[in-house]
Amino acid sequence: MTAISPTETIRRIADVPGGAAAVGPFSQAVVANGFVFTTGQIPAITGLDDQPESFADQVRQTIRNLESVLKAAGSNLEHVVKVNTYLTDPGQLEAYNRVYAEFFSDAKPARTSVCVSLWGVSLEIECVAVVAEAGQ
Protein backbone atom coordinates (compact mmCIF):
# COMPACT_ATOMS: atom_id res chain seq x y z
CA MET A 1 0.00 0.00 0.00
CA THR A 2 1.33 3.40 -0.99
CA ALA A 3 1.14 6.19 1.54
CA ILE A 4 0.27 9.73 0.52
CA SER A 5 3.52 11.65 0.14
CA PRO A 6 4.04 14.92 2.00
CA THR A 7 3.59 16.80 -1.30
CA GLU A 8 0.13 15.29 -1.91
CA THR A 9 -2.84 16.63 -0.05
CA ILE A 10 -6.21 15.35 0.97
CA ARG A 11 -8.95 17.82 0.15
CA ARG A 12 -12.27 17.59 1.98
CA ILE A 13 -15.39 19.20 0.51
CA ALA A 14 -17.85 19.91 3.29
CA ASP A 15 -20.53 21.78 1.36
CA VAL A 16 -21.34 22.06 -2.34
CA PRO A 17 -22.48 25.48 -3.58
CA GLY A 18 -26.19 25.42 -4.41
CA GLY A 19 -26.68 21.93 -2.98
CA ALA A 20 -28.46 20.68 0.10
CA ALA A 21 -26.34 20.82 3.22
CA ALA A 22 -24.92 17.60 4.62
CA VAL A 23 -27.27 16.00 7.15
CA GLY A 24 -24.47 14.79 9.42
CA PRO A 25 -20.87 15.32 10.50
CA PHE A 26 -19.15 14.32 7.24
CA SER A 27 -17.65 15.70 4.05
CA GLN A 28 -19.64 15.59 0.80
CA ALA A 29 -16.45 14.31 -0.89
CA VAL A 30 -12.80 13.68 -0.21
CA VAL A 31 -10.17 14.05 -2.94
CA ALA A 32 -7.00 12.00 -2.45
CA ASN A 33 -4.37 10.47 -4.73
CA GLY A 34 -6.21 11.52 -7.89
CA PHE A 35 -9.54 10.02 -6.81
CA VAL A 36 -12.81 11.51 -5.57
CA PHE A 37 -14.70 9.55 -2.91
CA THR A 38 -18.24 10.85 -2.47
CA THR A 39 -20.62 10.57 0.41
CA GLY A 40 -23.92 8.91 -0.37
CA GLN A 41 -26.13 11.41 -2.16
CA ILE A 42 -29.89 11.47 -1.66
CA PRO A 43 -32.76 13.02 -3.66
CA ALA A 44 -32.87 16.18 -1.54
CA ILE A 45 -33.26 19.41 -3.49
CA THR A 46 -32.79 21.90 -0.65
CA GLY A 47 -33.21 19.51 2.29
CA LEU A 48 -34.84 16.27 3.43
CA ASP A 49 -38.30 17.86 3.26
CA ASP A 50 -37.77 18.92 -0.37
CA GLN A 51 -37.62 15.85 -2.65
CA PRO A 52 -39.22 15.01 -6.02
CA GLU A 53 -42.43 12.98 -5.80
CA SER A 54 -41.86 10.23 -8.37
CA PHE A 55 -39.17 7.62 -7.84
CA ALA A 56 -37.72 8.28 -11.32
CA ASP A 57 -37.36 11.98 -10.51
CA GLN A 58 -35.78 11.08 -7.15
CA VAL A 59 -33.15 9.04 -9.00
CA ARG A 60 -32.51 11.96 -11.39
CA GLN A 61 -32.18 14.40 -8.47
CA THR A 62 -29.82 12.08 -6.63
CA ILE A 63 -27.57 11.74 -9.69
CA ARG A 64 -27.68 15.52 -10.25
CA ASN A 65 -26.59 15.95 -6.62
CA LEU A 66 -23.78 13.46 -7.27
CA GLU A 67 -22.79 15.48 -10.38
CA SER A 68 -22.61 18.67 -8.30
CA VAL A 69 -20.35 17.04 -5.73
CA LEU A 70 -18.10 15.61 -8.44
CA LYS A 71 -17.86 19.02 -10.14
CA ALA A 72 -16.88 20.67 -6.85
CA ALA A 73 -14.18 18.00 -6.50
CA GLY A 74 -12.82 18.51 -10.03
CA SER A 75 -14.46 15.53 -11.72
CA ASN A 76 -17.68 14.51 -13.50
CA LEU A 77 -19.88 11.52 -14.27
CA GLU A 78 -17.66 10.44 -17.19
CA HIS A 79 -14.82 9.85 -14.73
CA VAL A 80 -16.80 7.65 -12.31
CA VAL A 81 -15.22 4.22 -11.90
CA LYS A 82 -17.41 2.69 -9.15
CA VAL A 83 -20.98 3.30 -7.98
CA ASN A 84 -22.67 1.92 -4.88
CA THR A 85 -26.45 2.18 -4.92
CA TYR A 86 -28.75 1.68 -1.94
CA LEU A 87 -32.46 1.17 -2.67
CA THR A 88 -35.24 0.70 -0.11
CA ASP A 89 -37.31 -1.69 -2.25
CA PRO A 90 -36.04 -4.44 -4.56
CA GLY A 91 -38.95 -3.58 -6.88
CA GLN A 92 -37.26 -0.23 -7.60
CA LEU A 93 -34.33 -1.77 -9.49
CA GLU A 94 -35.91 -1.79 -12.96
CA ALA A 95 -37.00 1.86 -12.74
CA TYR A 96 -33.64 2.77 -11.23
CA ASN A 97 -31.77 1.09 -14.12
CA ARG A 98 -33.79 3.02 -16.72
CA VAL A 99 -32.95 6.40 -15.19
CA TYR A 100 -29.36 5.39 -14.37
CA ALA A 101 -28.82 4.59 -18.08
CA GLU A 102 -29.81 8.19 -18.95
CA PHE A 103 -26.69 9.38 -17.12
CA PHE A 104 -24.32 6.43 -17.59
CA SER A 105 -25.10 5.25 -21.13
CA ASP A 106 -21.58 5.19 -22.60
CA ALA A 107 -19.24 5.35 -19.61
CA LYS A 108 -20.55 2.49 -17.51
CA PRO A 109 -18.80 2.30 -14.15
CA ALA A 110 -18.60 -0.83 -12.03
CA ARG A 111 -21.66 -0.92 -9.77
CA THR A 112 -23.08 -2.59 -6.70
CA SER A 113 -26.78 -2.27 -5.81
CA VAL A 114 -28.23 -3.39 -2.52
CA CYS A 115 -31.57 -3.09 -0.75
CA VAL A 116 -31.44 -1.46 2.68
CA SER A 117 -33.51 0.56 5.11
CA LEU A 118 -32.82 4.32 4.83
CA TRP A 119 -33.95 7.32 6.87
CA GLY A 120 -36.57 9.35 5.02
CA VAL A 121 -35.32 8.69 1.48
CA SER A 122 -35.92 5.98 -1.12
CA LEU A 123 -32.34 5.74 -2.37
CA GLU A 124 -28.76 6.80 -1.84
CA ILE A 125 -25.87 6.73 -4.32
CA GLU A 126 -22.15 7.07 -3.67
CA CYS A 127 -19.23 6.76 -6.06
CA VAL A 128 -15.51 6.82 -6.64
CA ALA A 129 -14.26 8.87 -9.59
CA VAL A 130 -10.96 9.91 -11.07
CA VAL A 131 -10.14 13.62 -10.87
CA ALA A 132 -10.59 15.03 -14.39
CA GLU A 133 -7.67 16.59 -16.22
CA ALA A 134 -7.95 20.34 -16.76
CA GLY A 135 -10.47 21.11 -19.49
CA GLN A 136 -12.25 17.73 -19.39
C-alpha atoms as a PDB file:
ATOM      1  CA  MET A   1       0.000   0.000   0.000  1.00  0.00           C
ATOM      2  CA  THR A   2       1.333   3.397  -0.985  1.00  0.00           C
ATOM      3  CA  ALA A   3       1.140   6.188   1.543  1.00  0.00           C
ATOM      4  CA  ILE A   4       0.267   9.726   0.518  1.00  0.00           C
ATOM      5  CA  SER A   5       3.516  11.650   0.144  1.00  0.00           C
ATOM      6  CA  PRO A   6       4.042  14.923   2.003  1.00  0.00           C
ATOM      7  CA  THR A   7       3.593  16.804  -1.298  1.00  0.00           C
ATOM      8  CA  GLU A   8       0.128  15.293  -1.915  1.00  0.00           C
ATOM      9  CA  THR A   9      -2.844  16.625  -0.046  1.00  0.00           C
ATOM     10  CA  ILE A  10      -6.209  15.349   0.973  1.00  0.00           C
ATOM     11  CA  ARG A  11      -8.955  17.820   0.151  1.00  0.00           C
ATOM     12  CA  ARG A  12     -12.272  17.586   1.983  1.00  0.00           C
ATOM     13  CA  ILE A  13     -15.389  19.195   0.513  1.00  0.00           C
ATOM     14  CA  ALA A  14     -17.852  19.907   3.293  1.00  0.00           C
ATOM     15  CA  ASP A  15     -20.532  21.778   1.356  1.00  0.00           C
ATOM     16  CA  VAL A  16     -21.336  22.058  -2.343  1.00  0.00           C
ATOM     17  CA  PRO A  17     -22.477  25.485  -3.583  1.00  0.00           C
ATOM     18  CA  GLY A  18     -26.195  25.416  -4.413  1.00  0.00           C
ATOM     19  CA  GLY A  19     -26.681  21.929  -2.978  1.00  0.00           C
ATOM     20  CA  ALA A  20     -28.462  20.676   0.096  1.00  0.00           C
ATOM     21  CA  ALA A  21     -26.341  20.816   3.224  1.00  0.00           C
ATOM     22  CA  ALA A  22     -24.920  17.600   4.625  1.00  0.00           C
ATOM     23  CA  VAL A  23     -27.266  15.996   7.148  1.00  0.00           C
ATOM     24  CA  GLY A  24     -24.473  14.794   9.418  1.00  0.00           C
ATOM     25  CA  PRO A  25     -20.866  15.316  10.496  1.00  0.00           C
ATOM     26  CA  PHE A  26     -19.154  14.321   7.238  1.00  0.00           C
ATOM     27  CA  SER A  27     -17.647  15.702   4.045  1.00  0.00           C
ATOM     28  CA  GLN A  28     -19.637  15.594   0.800  1.00  0.00           C
ATOM     29  CA  ALA A  29     -16.455  14.312  -0.891  1.00  0.00           C
ATOM     30  CA  VAL A  30     -12.800  13.677  -0.206  1.00  0.00           C
ATOM     31  CA  VAL A  31     -10.174  14.046  -2.936  1.00  0.00           C
ATOM     32  CA  ALA A  32      -7.003  12.002  -2.451  1.00  0.00           C
ATOM     33  CA  ASN A  33      -4.366  10.466  -4.731  1.00  0.00           C
ATOM     34  CA  GLY A  34      -6.208  11.523  -7.889  1.00  0.00           C
ATOM     35  CA  PHE A  35      -9.536  10.023  -6.814  1.00  0.00           C
ATOM     36  CA  VAL A  36     -12.809  11.514  -5.575  1.00  0.00           C
ATOM     37  CA  PHE A  37     -14.704   9.552  -2.912  1.00  0.00           C
ATOM     38  CA  THR A  38     -18.238  10.851  -2.472  1.00  0.00           C
ATOM     39  CA  THR A  39     -20.617  10.573   0.410  1.00  0.00           C
ATOM     40  CA  GLY A  40     -23.918   8.906  -0.375  1.00  0.00           C
ATOM     41  CA  GLN A  41     -26.132  11.413  -2.164  1.00  0.00           C
ATOM     42  CA  ILE A  42     -29.893  11.473  -1.661  1.00  0.00           C
ATOM     43  CA  PRO A  43     -32.763  13.018  -3.662  1.00  0.00           C
ATOM     44  CA  ALA A  44     -32.867  16.180  -1.539  1.00  0.00           C
ATOM     45  CA  ILE A  45     -33.258  19.407  -3.490  1.00  0.00           C
ATOM     46  CA  THR A  46     -32.793  21.899  -0.650  1.00  0.00           C
ATOM     47  CA  GLY A  47     -33.207  19.505   2.294  1.00  0.00           C
ATOM     48  CA  LEU A  48     -34.842  16.270   3.428  1.00  0.00           C
ATOM     49  CA  ASP A  49     -38.297  17.858   3.263  1.00  0.00           C
ATOM     50  CA  ASP A  50     -37.771  18.915  -0.370  1.00  0.00           C
ATOM     51  CA  GLN A  51     -37.624  15.852  -2.653  1.00  0.00           C
ATOM     52  CA  PRO A  52     -39.219  15.014  -6.020  1.00  0.00           C
ATOM     53  CA  GLU A  53     -42.435  12.982  -5.798  1.00  0.00           C
ATOM     54  CA  SER A  54     -41.858  10.228  -8.367  1.00  0.00           C
ATOM     55  CA  PHE A  55     -39.165   7.617  -7.843  1.00  0.00           C
ATOM     56  CA  ALA A  56     -37.717   8.279 -11.324  1.00  0.00           C
ATOM     57  CA  ASP A  57     -37.356  11.983 -10.510  1.00  0.00           C
ATOM     58  CA  GLN A  58     -35.784  11.085  -7.151  1.00  0.00           C
ATOM     59  CA  VAL A  59     -33.154   9.044  -8.997  1.00  0.00           C
ATOM     60  CA  ARG A  60     -32.512  11.959 -11.388  1.00  0.00           C
ATOM     61  CA  GLN A  61     -32.182  14.405  -8.469  1.00  0.00           C
ATOM     62  CA  THR A  62     -29.815  12.075  -6.635  1.00  0.00           C
ATOM     63  CA  ILE A  63     -27.572  11.739  -9.689  1.00  0.00           C
ATOM     64  CA  ARG A  64     -27.684  15.520 -10.249  1.00  0.00           C
ATOM     65  CA  ASN A  65     -26.587  15.949  -6.623  1.00  0.00           C
ATOM     66  CA  LEU A  66     -23.776  13.465  -7.274  1.00  0.00           C
ATOM     67  CA  GLU A  67     -22.794  15.481 -10.385  1.00  0.00           C
ATOM     68  CA  SER A  68     -22.610  18.670  -8.297  1.00  0.00           C
ATOM     69  CA  VAL A  69     -20.352  17.044  -5.730  1.00  0.00           C
ATOM     70  CA  LEU A  70     -18.104  15.613  -8.443  1.00  0.00           C
ATOM     71  CA  LYS A  71     -17.859  19.018 -10.143  1.00  0.00           C
ATOM     72  CA  ALA A  72     -16.881  20.672  -6.852  1.00  0.00           C
ATOM     73  CA  ALA A  73     -14.179  18.003  -6.495  1.00  0.00           C
ATOM     74  CA  GLY A  74     -12.816  18.508 -10.033  1.00  0.00           C
ATOM     75  CA  SER A  75     -14.456  15.534 -11.717  1.00  0.00           C
ATOM     76  CA  ASN A  76     -17.675  14.514 -13.495  1.00  0.00           C
ATOM     77  CA  LEU A  77     -19.877  11.515 -14.265  1.00  0.00           C
ATOM     78  CA  GLU A  78     -17.663  10.438 -17.188  1.00  0.00           C
ATOM     79  CA  HIS A  79     -14.822   9.850 -14.726  1.00  0.00           C
ATOM     80  CA  VAL A  80     -16.801   7.649 -12.311  1.00  0.00           C
ATOM     81  CA  VAL A  81     -15.224   4.216 -11.901  1.00  0.00           C
ATOM     82  CA  LYS A  82     -17.407   2.693  -9.150  1.00  0.00           C
ATOM     83  CA  VAL A  83     -20.980   3.300  -7.976  1.00  0.00           C
ATOM     84  CA  ASN A  84     -22.670   1.916  -4.877  1.00  0.00           C
ATOM     85  CA  THR A  85     -26.450   2.184  -4.922  1.00  0.00           C
ATOM     86  CA  TYR A  86     -28.746   1.681  -1.942  1.00  0.00           C
ATOM     87  CA  LEU A  87     -32.456   1.168  -2.666  1.00  0.00           C
ATOM     88  CA  THR A  88     -35.240   0.699  -0.115  1.00  0.00           C
ATOM     89  CA  ASP A  89     -37.313  -1.691  -2.245  1.00  0.00           C
ATOM     90  CA  PRO A  90     -36.038  -4.441  -4.565  1.00  0.00           C
ATOM     91  CA  GLY A  91     -38.947  -3.578  -6.882  1.00  0.00           C
ATOM     92  CA  GLN A  92     -37.257  -0.226  -7.596  1.00  0.00           C
ATOM     93  CA  LEU A  93     -34.333  -1.770  -9.486  1.00  0.00           C
ATOM     94  CA  GLU A  94     -35.907  -1.786 -12.961  1.00  0.00           C
ATOM     95  CA  ALA A  95     -36.997   1.860 -12.739  1.00  0.00           C
ATOM     96  CA  TYR A  96     -33.639   2.770 -11.234  1.00  0.00           C
ATOM     97  CA  ASN A  97     -31.771   1.093 -14.116  1.00  0.00           C
ATOM     98  CA  ARG A  98     -33.790   3.022 -16.723  1.00  0.00           C
ATOM     99  CA  VAL A  99     -32.946   6.403 -15.191  1.00  0.00           C
ATOM    100  CA  TYR A 100     -29.356   5.393 -14.366  1.00  0.00           C
ATOM    101  CA  ALA A 101     -28.816   4.588 -18.080  1.00  0.00           C
ATOM    102  CA  GLU A 102     -29.814   8.189 -18.948  1.00  0.00           C
ATOM    103  CA  PHE A 103     -26.687   9.377 -17.122  1.00  0.00           C
ATOM    104  CA  PHE A 104     -24.322   6.428 -17.594  1.00  0.00           C
ATOM    105  CA  SER A 105     -25.099   5.249 -21.128  1.00  0.00           C
ATOM    106  CA  ASP A 106     -21.585   5.193 -22.601  1.00  0.00           C
ATOM    107  CA  ALA A 107     -19.240   5.348 -19.612  1.00  0.00           C
ATOM    108  CA  LYS A 108     -20.552   2.489 -17.514  1.00  0.00           C
ATOM    109  CA  PRO A 109     -18.797   2.304 -14.150  1.00  0.00           C
ATOM    110  CA  ALA A 110     -18.599  -0.830 -12.030  1.00  0.00           C
ATOM    111  CA  ARG A 111     -21.661  -0.918  -9.770  1.00  0.00           C
ATOM    112  CA  THR A 112     -23.079  -2.593  -6.700  1.00  0.00           C
ATOM    113  CA  SER A 113     -26.778  -2.270  -5.814  1.00  0.00           C
ATOM    114  CA  VAL A 114     -28.232  -3.387  -2.522  1.00  0.00           C
ATOM    115  CA  CYS A 115     -31.569  -3.091  -0.753  1.00  0.00           C
ATOM    116  CA  VAL A 116     -31.443  -1.458   2.684  1.00  0.00           C
ATOM    117  CA  SER A 117     -33.513   0.564   5.109  1.00  0.00           C
ATOM    118  CA  LEU A 118     -32.821   4.316   4.830  1.00  0.00           C
ATOM    119  CA  TRP A 119     -33.946   7.320   6.869  1.00  0.00           C
ATOM    120  CA  GLY A 120     -36.572   9.352   5.022  1.00  0.00           C
ATOM    121  CA  VAL A 121     -35.320   8.691   1.480  1.00  0.00           C
ATOM    122  CA  SER A 122     -35.916   5.982  -1.117  1.00  0.00           C
ATOM    123  CA  LEU A 123     -32.344   5.737  -2.368  1.00  0.00           C
ATOM    124  CA  GLU A 124     -28.764   6.796  -1.839  1.00  0.00           C
ATOM    125  CA  ILE A 125     -25.869   6.727  -4.315  1.00  0.00           C
ATOM    126  CA  GLU A 126     -22.148   7.074  -3.670  1.00  0.00           C
ATOM    127  CA  CYS A 127     -19.233   6.764  -6.060  1.00  0.00           C
ATOM    128  CA  VAL A 128     -15.514   6.821  -6.636  1.00  0.00           C
ATOM    129  CA  ALA A 129     -14.260   8.872  -9.590  1.00  0.00           C
ATOM    130  CA  VAL A 130     -10.957   9.911 -11.069  1.00  0.00           C
ATOM    131  CA  VAL A 131     -10.144  13.618 -10.866  1.00  0.00           C
ATOM    132  CA  ALA A 132     -10.586  15.030 -14.387  1.00  0.00           C
ATOM    133  CA  GLU A 133      -7.672  16.590 -16.216  1.00  0.00           C
ATOM    134  CA  ALA A 134      -7.950  20.341 -16.762  1.00  0.00           C
ATOM    135  CA  GLY A 135     -10.471  21.114 -19.492  1.00  0.00           C
ATOM    136  CA  GLN A 136     -12.254  17.726 -19.389  1.00  0.00           C
END
